[in-house]
Amino acid sequence: MAQFLAAGAKALRLIEGWTRASLAERAGVSVASLKRFETTGKASLELVLKIAHALGRLDEFDKLLKPPQAQSLADLEKQTMQRLRKRGSR
C-alpha cells in the first residue's frame, strides 16, 4: 500500500509538471524525504499528508479508517456505548 501511495503521488507530481524540489517546497518537506517516499514508499504519516495536501488530494483521506455508519438502532446503541467506554474490549 505504501508503494502504491508513493507511485500515485509521483504520478500526480509528474502530471502537474513539478520537479521533486517544487513539490517538496509546496509541501514543506525536504527533497530527500520526498525522494525516499517516491522510491521506497517509506514516509511518516505527516509527510504523506503534507504531500497529499500539496497535490490537492488531502480530502481523499477523510474516509480512511472511518467507522461504518449505523445500519440499525442496535448498531447505533452499540456505537454509543463504545464511545462512552473510551476503551476497546479484548
Protein backbone atom coordinates (compact mmCIF):
# COMPACT_ATOMS: atom_id res chain seq x y z
CA MET A 1 0.00 0.00 0.00
CA ALA A 2 2.84 2.39 0.83
CA GLN A 3 4.44 1.86 -2.56
CA PHE A 4 1.04 2.26 -4.22
CA LEU A 5 0.57 5.64 -2.49
CA ALA A 6 4.11 6.68 -3.40
CA ALA A 7 3.60 5.77 -7.06
CA GLY A 8 0.34 7.71 -7.12
CA ALA A 9 1.98 10.77 -5.58
CA LYS A 10 4.79 10.61 -8.11
CA ALA A 11 2.36 10.25 -11.00
CA LEU A 12 0.36 13.26 -9.79
CA ARG A 13 3.56 15.28 -9.42
CA LEU A 14 4.57 14.44 -12.98
CA ILE A 15 1.09 15.25 -14.33
CA GLU A 16 1.43 18.70 -12.73
CA GLY A 17 4.85 19.01 -14.35
CA TRP A 18 6.52 19.61 -10.98
CA THR A 19 10.02 18.62 -10.04
CA ARG A 20 10.66 16.92 -6.73
CA ALA A 21 12.09 20.20 -5.49
CA SER A 22 8.95 22.15 -6.36
CA LEU A 23 6.61 19.61 -4.74
CA ALA A 24 8.85 19.40 -1.67
CA GLU A 25 8.74 23.19 -1.33
CA ARG A 26 4.96 23.31 -1.77
CA ALA A 27 4.53 20.53 0.81
CA GLY A 28 7.06 21.91 3.28
CA VAL A 29 9.16 18.76 3.28
CA SER A 30 12.74 18.03 2.29
CA VAL A 31 13.58 16.84 -1.20
CA ALA A 32 15.39 13.85 0.34
CA SER A 33 12.25 12.81 2.25
CA LEU A 34 10.11 13.14 -0.87
CA LYS A 35 12.63 11.14 -2.92
CA ARG A 36 12.72 8.38 -0.25
CA PHE A 37 8.92 8.25 -0.26
CA GLU A 38 8.67 8.09 -4.05
CA THR A 39 11.34 5.42 -4.39
CA THR A 40 10.67 3.20 -1.36
CA GLY A 41 7.21 4.14 -0.07
CA LYS A 42 8.73 4.85 3.36
CA ALA A 43 7.47 8.02 5.00
CA SER A 44 5.79 9.30 8.11
CA LEU A 45 2.06 9.81 8.04
CA GLU A 46 2.70 13.54 8.49
CA LEU A 47 4.86 13.63 5.35
CA VAL A 48 2.27 11.72 3.31
CA LEU A 49 -0.47 14.10 4.45
CA LYS A 50 1.65 17.15 3.58
CA ILE A 51 2.30 15.77 0.11
CA ALA A 52 -1.38 14.92 -0.37
CA HIS A 53 -2.30 18.46 0.67
CA ALA A 54 0.19 19.99 -1.76
CA LEU A 55 -1.24 17.80 -4.53
CA GLY A 56 -4.82 18.81 -3.67
CA ARG A 57 -5.76 15.30 -2.54
CA LEU A 58 -5.95 15.64 1.25
CA ASP A 59 -9.75 15.26 1.21
CA GLU A 60 -9.33 11.67 -0.02
CA PHE A 61 -8.06 10.69 3.44
CA ASP A 62 -11.28 11.62 5.25
CA LYS A 63 -12.80 8.17 4.74
CA LEU A 64 -9.68 6.28 5.77
CA LEU A 65 -10.27 4.21 8.93
CA LYS A 66 -13.66 5.83 9.44
CA PRO A 67 -16.06 3.64 11.44
CA PRO A 68 -19.09 2.46 9.47
CA GLN A 69 -22.38 4.27 9.87
CA ALA A 70 -25.03 2.57 11.99
CA GLN A 71 -27.43 0.50 9.90
CA SER A 72 -29.88 -0.21 12.70
CA LEU A 73 -30.91 1.07 16.10
CA ALA A 74 -28.91 -1.75 17.69
CA ASP A 75 -25.78 -0.63 15.78
CA LEU A 76 -26.33 2.96 16.93
CA GLU A 77 -26.71 1.86 20.55
CA LYS A 78 -23.55 -0.25 20.29
CA GLN A 79 -21.56 2.67 18.87
CA THR A 80 -22.87 4.97 21.61
CA MET A 81 -21.83 2.51 24.31
CA GLN A 82 -18.37 2.14 22.75
CA ARG A 83 -17.90 5.94 22.83
CA LEU A 84 -18.89 6.01 26.50
CA ARG A 85 -16.38 3.26 27.43
CA LYS A 86 -13.43 5.12 25.83
CA ARG A 87 -11.52 1.83 25.50
CA GLY A 88 -11.85 -1.20 23.32
CA SER A 89 -12.56 -4.63 24.66
CA ARG A 90 -10.13 -7.52 24.41
